[in-house]
Each structure stands twice: as C-alpha cells, then as structure tokens.
Protein backbone atom coordinates (compact mmCIF):
# COMPACT_ATOMS: atom_id res chain seq x y z
CA MET A 1 41.38 18.47 130.21
CA PRO A 2 38.55 15.88 130.02
CA ALA A 3 39.50 12.29 130.78
CA VAL A 4 39.20 9.72 128.00
CA ARG A 5 36.53 7.21 128.86
CA THR A 6 37.35 3.49 128.95
CA SER A 7 34.61 2.71 126.43
CA ASP A 8 36.13 5.24 123.99
CA LYS A 9 39.53 3.57 124.36
CA LYS A 10 37.99 0.16 123.75
CA THR A 11 36.14 1.39 120.67
CA SER A 12 39.29 3.03 119.31
CA LYS A 13 41.30 -0.16 119.84
CA GLN A 14 38.65 -2.30 118.14
CA THR A 15 38.59 0.10 115.16
CA PHE A 16 42.39 -0.07 114.87
CA ILE A 17 42.35 -3.90 114.99
CA SER A 18 39.56 -3.98 112.43
CA LYS A 19 41.61 -1.79 110.07
CA LEU A 20 44.63 -4.06 110.52
CA ASN A 21 42.56 -7.15 109.75
CA GLN A 22 41.15 -5.49 106.63
CA SER A 23 44.65 -4.50 105.53
CA ASP A 24 45.94 -8.06 106.07
CA PHE A 25 43.01 -9.47 104.15
CA LEU A 26 43.64 -7.14 101.19
CA VAL A 27 47.34 -8.04 101.12
CA TRP A 28 46.63 -11.80 101.17
CA PHE A 29 43.87 -11.42 98.59
CA ALA A 30 46.18 -9.45 96.28
CA LEU A 31 48.91 -12.09 96.64
CA PHE A 32 46.37 -14.83 95.92
CA CYS A 33 45.15 -13.07 92.77
CA LEU A 34 48.74 -12.54 91.62
CA PHE A 35 49.54 -16.21 92.21
CA CYS A 36 46.46 -17.35 90.25
CA SER A 37 47.35 -15.02 87.38
CA VAL A 38 50.90 -16.36 87.15
CA ILE A 39 49.64 -19.95 87.22
CA TYR A 40 47.20 -19.23 84.41
CA LEU A 41 49.81 -17.48 82.25
CA LEU A 42 52.37 -20.28 82.71
CA ARG A 43 49.88 -23.18 82.52
CA SER A 44 51.42 -24.58 79.31
CA VAL A 45 54.80 -25.28 80.95
CA LEU A 46 53.80 -26.12 84.53
CA LEU A 47 52.69 -29.74 84.11
CA PRO A 48 56.10 -31.49 84.61
CA PHE A 49 56.90 -29.22 87.56
CA VAL A 50 53.54 -29.77 89.25
CA LEU A 51 53.80 -33.52 88.68
CA GLY A 52 57.32 -33.51 90.14
CA ILE A 53 56.12 -31.61 93.22
CA ILE A 54 53.24 -34.05 93.68
CA LEU A 55 55.59 -37.04 93.46
CA GLY A 56 57.96 -35.46 95.97
CA TYR A 57 55.04 -34.79 98.31
CA LEU A 58 53.56 -38.28 97.99
CA PHE A 59 56.80 -40.16 98.65
CA ASP A 60 58.19 -37.92 101.38
CA PRO A 61 56.93 -40.32 104.13
CA LEU A 62 58.84 -43.18 102.49
CA ALA A 63 62.04 -41.12 102.43
CA VAL A 64 61.48 -40.25 106.10
CA LYS A 65 61.31 -43.98 106.91
CA PHE A 66 64.68 -44.55 105.21
CA GLU A 67 66.09 -41.62 107.21
CA LYS A 68 64.92 -43.25 110.44
CA LEU A 69 66.93 -46.34 109.43
CA GLY A 70 70.09 -44.20 109.46
CA ALA A 71 70.37 -43.02 105.84
CA SER A 72 70.99 -39.38 104.94
CA ARG A 73 68.23 -37.52 103.13
CA THR A 74 70.08 -37.73 99.81
CA ILE A 75 70.69 -41.47 100.16
CA ALA A 76 67.08 -41.96 101.23
CA THR A 77 65.93 -40.10 98.11
CA VAL A 78 68.13 -42.28 95.92
CA PHE A 79 66.69 -45.42 97.55
CA VAL A 80 63.14 -44.19 96.92
CA PHE A 81 63.90 -43.46 93.27
CA LEU A 82 65.53 -46.84 92.74
CA LEU A 83 62.54 -48.57 94.31
CA LEU A 84 60.09 -46.57 92.18
CA THR A 85 62.10 -47.26 89.02
CA LEU A 86 62.15 -51.00 89.67
CA ILE A 87 58.37 -50.99 90.12
CA ALA A 88 57.26 -48.31 87.66
CA VAL A 89 59.29 -49.12 84.54
CA PRO A 90 58.01 -52.72 84.07
CA LEU A 91 54.47 -51.56 84.83
CA VAL A 92 54.64 -48.71 82.29
CA VAL A 93 56.08 -51.00 79.59
CA LEU A 94 53.37 -53.60 80.30
CA LEU A 95 50.67 -50.92 80.32
CA PHE A 96 51.67 -49.40 76.99
CA SER A 97 52.00 -52.84 75.45
CA MET A 98 48.49 -53.73 76.65
CA ILE A 99 46.99 -50.46 75.39
CA SER A 100 48.70 -50.81 72.00
CA ASN A 101 47.43 -54.38 71.65
CA GLN A 102 43.89 -53.37 72.65
CA LEU A 103 43.88 -50.47 70.18
CA SER A 104 44.97 -52.84 67.40
CA ILE A 105 42.06 -55.14 68.27
CA PHE A 106 39.72 -52.16 68.27
CA ALA A 107 40.92 -50.98 64.85
CA ASP A 108 40.49 -54.47 63.36
CA SER A 109 37.15 -55.25 64.99
CA ALA A 110 35.37 -51.88 64.89
CA PRO A 111 33.56 -52.55 61.55
CA LYS A 112 32.36 -55.91 62.87
CA TYR A 113 31.12 -54.32 66.11
CA ILE A 114 29.28 -51.60 64.20
CA SER A 115 27.61 -54.10 61.86
CA SER A 116 26.54 -56.39 64.72
CA LEU A 117 25.25 -53.58 66.90
CA THR A 118 23.39 -51.99 63.99
CA GLN A 119 21.73 -55.29 63.14
CA LYS A 120 20.56 -55.79 66.73
CA ILE A 121 19.22 -52.26 66.91
CA GLU A 122 17.28 -52.84 63.69
CA GLU A 123 15.88 -56.08 65.14
CA LEU A 124 14.84 -54.21 68.27
CA PHE A 125 13.08 -51.52 66.27
CA GLY A 126 11.42 -54.20 64.15
CA TYR A 127 10.08 -55.81 67.31
CA LEU A 128 8.84 -52.45 68.54
CA GLN A 129 7.17 -51.83 65.17
CA GLN A 130 5.25 -55.08 65.50
CA ARG A 131 4.14 -54.31 69.05
CA PHE A 132 3.37 -50.64 68.34
CA PRO A 133 2.30 -50.27 64.69
CA THR A 134 1.90 -46.50 64.99
CA LEU A 135 5.53 -46.03 66.00
CA GLU A 136 7.71 -44.82 63.10
CA THR A 137 11.03 -46.55 63.73
CA GLU A 138 12.70 -46.31 60.32
CA ASN A 139 14.11 -42.83 60.75
CA ILE A 140 15.05 -43.49 64.39
CA GLY A 141 16.90 -46.69 63.47
CA ALA A 142 18.79 -45.01 60.65
CA LEU A 143 19.74 -42.10 62.91
CA VAL A 144 20.95 -44.38 65.71
CA SER A 145 22.96 -46.56 63.31
CA GLN A 146 24.60 -43.51 61.78
CA ASN A 147 25.49 -42.09 65.19
CA ILE A 148 26.95 -45.42 66.32
CA THR A 149 29.15 -45.56 63.22
CA GLN A 150 30.35 -42.00 63.74
CA THR A 151 30.98 -42.62 67.45
CA PHE A 152 33.15 -45.69 66.80
CA LYS A 153 35.13 -43.87 64.12
CA PHE A 154 35.58 -40.80 66.29
CA SER A 155 36.64 -42.88 69.31
CA GLY A 156 39.16 -44.76 67.19
CA LYS A 157 40.65 -41.53 65.88
CA ILE A 158 40.91 -40.09 69.38
CA MET A 159 42.66 -43.13 70.87
CA THR A 160 44.97 -43.52 67.87
CA GLY A 161 45.80 -39.84 67.98
CA LEU A 162 46.56 -39.96 71.68
CA MET A 163 48.96 -42.84 71.15
CA LYS A 164 50.70 -41.35 68.08
CA ASN A 165 50.63 -37.65 68.91
CA GLY A 166 50.58 -37.72 72.69
CA ALA A 167 53.81 -35.72 72.79
CA ALA A 168 52.03 -32.76 71.26
CA VAL A 169 49.20 -33.02 73.77
CA ILE A 170 50.97 -33.43 77.11
CA ASN A 171 54.58 -32.78 76.06
CA ILE A 172 55.73 -36.28 76.93
CA PHE A 173 59.41 -35.48 76.54
CA SER A 174 59.28 -32.73 79.15
CA LEU A 175 57.44 -35.10 81.47
CA LEU A 176 60.08 -37.81 81.04
CA LEU A 177 63.05 -35.47 81.34
CA ILE A 178 61.99 -32.70 83.72
CA THR A 179 59.58 -34.44 86.08
CA PRO A 180 62.11 -36.93 87.55
CA VAL A 181 64.62 -34.11 88.16
CA VAL A 182 62.03 -31.90 89.86
CA ALA A 183 60.73 -34.85 91.87
CA PHE A 184 64.24 -35.77 93.03
CA TYR A 185 65.08 -32.27 94.31
CA MET A 186 61.65 -31.77 95.85
CA LEU A 187 61.89 -35.10 97.65
CA ARG A 188 65.43 -34.42 98.85
CA ASP A 189 64.71 -30.88 100.06
CA TRP A 190 61.08 -31.20 101.13
CA GLY A 191 61.84 -30.69 104.82
CA VAL A 192 64.01 -27.66 104.01
CA PHE A 193 61.19 -26.06 102.00
CA VAL A 194 58.70 -26.68 104.80
CA GLN A 195 60.96 -25.09 107.41
CA LYS A 196 61.64 -22.04 105.24
CA ILE A 197 57.93 -21.52 104.67
CA LYS A 198 57.31 -21.75 108.42
CA THR A 199 59.87 -18.99 109.08
CA LEU A 200 58.02 -16.69 106.65
CA LEU A 201 54.64 -17.02 108.36
CA PRO A 202 53.38 -13.89 110.20
CA GLN A 203 54.06 -14.31 113.89
CA LYS A 204 50.68 -13.08 115.11
CA SER A 205 48.78 -15.66 113.01
CA ARG A 206 51.41 -18.39 112.78
CA LYS A 207 49.49 -20.80 115.01
CA ASP A 208 46.29 -20.47 112.97
CA ILE A 209 48.14 -20.82 109.63
CA GLN A 210 50.05 -23.89 110.80
CA GLY A 211 46.75 -25.43 111.91
CA ILE A 212 45.29 -24.75 108.46
CA PHE A 213 48.37 -26.24 106.79
CA SER A 214 48.06 -29.36 108.95
CA ASP A 215 44.42 -29.80 107.93
CA ILE A 216 45.32 -29.27 104.27
CA ASP A 217 48.17 -31.78 104.50
CA ARG A 218 45.95 -34.46 106.04
CA ALA A 219 43.20 -33.87 103.50
CA ILE A 220 45.38 -33.82 100.38
CA SER A 221 47.78 -36.61 101.33
CA GLY A 222 44.95 -38.88 102.42
CA PHE A 223 42.90 -38.15 99.33
CA LEU A 224 45.75 -38.49 96.81
CA ARG A 225 47.15 -41.74 98.21
CA GLY A 226 43.71 -43.18 98.91
CA GLN A 227 42.14 -42.21 95.58
CA LEU A 228 45.17 -43.43 93.65
CA SER A 229 44.82 -46.80 95.38
CA VAL A 230 41.10 -46.93 94.59
CA CYS A 231 41.72 -46.14 90.89
CA VAL A 232 44.40 -48.84 90.59
CA ILE A 233 42.31 -51.48 92.38
CA LEU A 234 39.16 -50.73 90.39
CA GLY A 235 41.01 -50.57 87.07
CA THR A 236 42.67 -53.91 87.76
CA PHE A 237 39.42 -55.53 88.90
CA TYR A 238 37.32 -54.30 85.98
CA GLY A 239 40.01 -55.01 83.39
CA LEU A 240 40.77 -58.55 84.55
CA SER A 241 37.10 -59.43 85.17
CA LEU A 242 35.94 -58.21 81.75
CA ASN A 243 38.85 -60.00 80.11
CA LEU A 244 38.08 -63.25 81.99
CA ILE A 245 34.49 -63.36 80.72
CA GLY A 246 35.87 -63.11 77.18
CA LEU A 247 35.02 -59.49 76.39
CA GLU A 248 37.31 -58.11 73.69
CA LEU A 249 38.77 -54.75 74.71
CA GLY A 250 37.83 -55.61 78.28
CA LEU A 251 41.29 -54.72 79.55
CA LEU A 252 41.19 -51.30 77.89
CA VAL A 253 37.67 -50.52 79.10
CA GLY A 254 38.56 -51.60 82.64
CA PHE A 255 41.71 -49.49 82.57
CA ILE A 256 39.78 -46.42 81.37
CA SER A 257 37.09 -47.00 83.98
CA GLY A 258 39.68 -47.23 86.76
CA ILE A 259 41.68 -44.19 85.63
CA ILE A 260 38.65 -41.86 85.61
CA SER A 261 37.21 -43.26 88.85
CA PHE A 262 38.55 -40.20 90.66
CA ILE A 263 35.55 -38.40 89.12
CA PRO A 264 32.57 -39.50 91.26
CA TYR A 265 30.35 -41.98 89.40
CA VAL A 266 31.78 -41.07 85.97
CA GLY A 267 34.35 -43.88 85.86
CA SER A 268 31.93 -46.66 86.70
CA ILE A 269 29.15 -45.30 84.47
CA THR A 270 31.51 -44.88 81.50
CA GLY A 271 32.98 -48.36 81.91
CA PHE A 272 29.53 -49.88 82.35
CA ILE A 273 28.08 -48.29 79.20
CA LEU A 274 31.13 -49.18 77.08
CA SER A 275 31.09 -52.76 78.37
CA ILE A 276 27.37 -53.17 77.65
CA ILE A 277 27.86 -51.88 74.10
CA LEU A 278 30.80 -54.24 73.53
CA ALA A 279 28.99 -57.24 75.03
CA THR A 280 25.92 -56.54 72.88
CA SER A 281 27.96 -56.19 69.69
CA GLN A 282 30.22 -59.21 70.33
CA TYR A 283 27.76 -61.83 71.57
CA SER A 284 24.25 -62.97 70.82
CA GLY A 285 21.81 -63.31 73.68
CA TYR A 286 22.02 -61.58 77.04
CA THR A 287 24.40 -63.84 78.97
CA LYS A 288 27.45 -61.58 78.58
CA VAL A 289 25.37 -58.48 79.26
CA ILE A 290 24.25 -60.00 82.56
CA GLU A 291 27.85 -60.93 83.41
CA VAL A 292 28.94 -57.34 82.74
CA ILE A 293 26.16 -56.05 84.98
CA VAL A 294 27.23 -58.43 87.77
CA ILE A 295 30.88 -57.30 87.48
CA PHE A 296 30.02 -53.62 87.80
CA VAL A 297 27.53 -54.24 90.62
CA ILE A 298 30.25 -56.09 92.54
CA GLY A 299 32.78 -53.35 91.75
CA GLN A 300 30.43 -50.60 92.91
CA PHE A 301 29.52 -52.53 96.05
CA PHE A 302 33.15 -52.93 97.12
CA GLU A 303 34.04 -49.38 96.12
CA GLY A 304 31.16 -47.83 98.03
CA ASN A 305 31.34 -50.03 101.14
CA PHE A 306 35.02 -50.91 101.51
CA LEU A 307 37.51 -49.19 99.18
CA THR A 308 36.43 -45.56 99.35
CA PRO A 309 35.46 -45.53 103.07
CA LYS A 310 38.68 -47.31 104.12
CA LEU A 311 41.21 -45.73 101.73
CA VAL A 312 39.75 -42.28 101.13
CA GLY A 313 37.00 -41.74 103.70
CA ASP A 314 35.94 -38.12 104.10
CA LYS A 315 39.42 -36.75 103.61
CA ILE A 316 38.42 -33.63 101.67
CA GLY A 317 34.93 -33.06 103.07
CA LEU A 318 33.50 -32.10 99.67
CA HIS A 319 30.21 -33.12 98.14
CA PRO A 320 30.59 -35.22 94.93
CA VAL A 321 28.79 -32.49 92.94
CA TRP A 322 31.41 -29.93 93.97
CA VAL A 323 34.19 -32.38 93.13
CA MET A 324 32.77 -32.79 89.61
CA PHE A 325 32.39 -29.01 89.30
CA ALA A 326 36.01 -28.51 90.40
CA LEU A 327 37.26 -31.07 87.88
CA LEU A 328 35.24 -29.55 85.05
CA SER A 329 36.38 -26.03 85.92
CA GLY A 330 40.01 -27.10 86.26
CA GLY A 331 39.90 -28.92 82.93
CA VAL A 332 38.41 -25.90 81.16
CA LEU A 333 40.86 -23.40 82.67
CA LEU A 334 44.11 -25.38 82.77
CA GLY A 335 43.52 -28.55 80.73
CA PHE A 336 45.19 -31.73 82.01
CA LEU A 337 47.06 -29.71 84.63
CA GLY A 338 43.73 -28.45 85.93
CA LEU A 339 42.40 -31.99 86.28
CA MET A 340 45.43 -32.90 88.39
CA VAL A 341 45.14 -30.01 90.83
CA ALA A 342 41.36 -29.41 90.80
CA VAL A 343 40.40 -31.60 93.76
CA PRO A 344 43.35 -30.56 95.99
CA ILE A 345 42.58 -26.89 95.31
CA ALA A 346 38.90 -27.50 96.01
CA ALA A 347 39.91 -29.19 99.29
CA ILE A 348 42.10 -26.21 100.24
CA ILE A 349 39.26 -23.77 99.47
CA GLY A 350 36.88 -25.91 101.54
CA ILE A 351 39.25 -25.91 104.53
CA LEU A 352 39.77 -22.14 104.28
CA LEU A 353 36.02 -21.57 104.08
CA ARG A 354 35.41 -23.75 107.14
CA PHE A 355 38.12 -21.83 109.01
CA GLY A 356 36.57 -18.53 107.94
CA ILE A 357 33.11 -19.64 109.08
CA LYS A 358 34.57 -20.74 112.42
CA LYS A 359 36.17 -17.32 112.90
CA TYR A 360 33.01 -15.57 111.75
CA LYS A 361 30.90 -17.36 114.38
CA LYS A 362 33.29 -16.04 117.05
CA SER A 363 33.26 -12.49 115.69
CA GLN A 364 31.23 -9.51 116.85
CA LEU A 365 29.48 -9.44 113.49
CA TYR A 366 27.91 -12.84 114.25
CA LEU A 367 27.54 -12.56 118.02
CA GLY A 368 26.29 -8.98 117.94
CA ASP A 369 28.21 -7.90 121.05
C-alpha cells in the first residue's frame, strides 16, 4: 500500500479548512441578511426600542460609576434616571417653549421678510441692468421672487406641521412611554446581555470577535458621545450668538444648525444660508450680514480645530463623503430610524472591512504561498 505523502496531507487539510471557512462565512452571511430583512420589515415600530437601547448604551458608564460607589445595579440605574430626569425635563420644556415662540415669530413676520427680500432682489437686478444693459433681468427677478415666496410658505407649513402633527410622524407617544422603559431595562441589564452574548461566540474565533467588538465599542461610544457634545455646543453657540446680534429667529436657526451638525458640513452651511437670508430681509445695509459671517467663521474655526478633534477625533475612521452617503441611504431606507443608526452601522461595516483586509493580507490568496 503506497504511503500518503506529507504534501498531500497538507493539501487535504488546507482544503478542509477552506471548506469550513466558506461554510462559516455562508452561515454568518445568511444570518446577517435575515437580520437586515427583519429590521426593514419592522422599521415602523423599532424607533422607541432603538432609542432606548442607545440611551442604555450611552449611560452605562455612569451606572458603572455608581456601582463602584457601592450601589447595586438597580439602584445605580434609578440614580441615573433621576439625574437625567432632573436635567432633561426642564431642558425639553425650555426647548419646546423656545421653538414654539420662534415659530410664532416666523408666522407673523414671514410676509414682511418676503417683501423686504423681494425688494432687495429687485434693486440688485436693477443695478445689474444698469451695469449690463443687455442682461434681461425682469423674468429672472420675477422667478426668484416667486420661488422665495413659495419657499417661505413651504417652510412655514413644514415647521407648523411638525409641531402640530409630530405624533403622526415619529409616534411621539410611543417614544415617551416605551423608550424610558426600554432604556431602564437595558441600562439595568446591560452587563448581563454582554456576558450572554460572549458565551454564544464560537470558541475558535472568540478572540477575533471580541477584538472586533472592542473596536466597535470604542468607535461608536466615542462618536456618539463626542458628536452629541459637538451638536449641543454648536447649537448653543450659533443660537445665542445670532440672537445677541438681534437676528429674529436666530435661536431657531442656531438650534437647527446645531442639530444637523452630525452631517458633515450640512449643519453649518444650512445655518449660514438661512442666517444670511434672514439678515438680508430684516436689516438694511451689510452690517448684520458681516456679523453673521463672522459668527459662522468663528464657529467653524472652533469646530474644525478644537471641538471635533478633541471630542470626536477619528473615532469611526470614515471619510465625510461616506458618512453623508450612509445618512442619505439610512434616511431613504428607514426614515428617522435610519438617520439614527446610519453612522454607527457605517462604522461597524468599516471596522469589519478593515479586519477582513487585514486577514486577506495574511492569507495565501494575497501572499501567493
């Protein structure tokens, strides 16, 4: 009977391992597709649960600190909720009061803004007509004026509708009732969930998976807490600064600019354009326009050089273009829920891709051995 050569044994073993890896990949890929399908089918009811999980995740370190002081996990969770309630409730009441007041000002002043802005645009086109006699500005001016009027009316309807019919859009009652309950149980049992997940990890790849989870945890926690801080700081700065220079609706514009600052460049650009339009329609001359420009230049300087590098840094390792793509895709597929989870999911995909590339560069396919 001929002896089996060592090289044949090695080749047979490599083939067997390759088949196992392919089988594992197919199983994980099938589970991933099933998970994505369930999320998509249940997207209309997931928002309060996802928000509750996010809150439990964000405030788990605070609960851990209370535990280190000698409190049980349940008592620590109660302390965290009491602290959040004492801080959040007055802020929410103040915020809604401010937004309601700003919307009332907008509704009363919109016709005046439209008239003033239209007049200045007509003066601008008149000046251009004098300098460039061959330029036909009548149709352009009429078109711009009409679009401005429609834009103000449409914006007013959107903001009024969000305030009056917000329950139909984001199911505010389920958020108020279900989210705190989910957040409480997630915060109380977070450590239990983590340990149970660890026990379910495949033993042969447990070390690699735990390393991936650690990278994901650092990326998401750092990004969420850091970006939330940046949004709050920028919204407060822009709102107070615009209000201090006497710009009506400055608080609302600053708040909007801060809230959407998690989208790279979009928050500052949106706030800047809205502020320029308001300054132009409310005041004669260019003094207020220059003040608005100075405010946003200062805001962008501190955001780019201090806030984002210190609070967020390169937590997710994603290019701003991919972040915007993730947000747009998430919004299209899952609506508001998609906007909430788009960047964390993009970060997870980025970490998995980097891990896959690292493994690929150590594989025979790359090395050619």
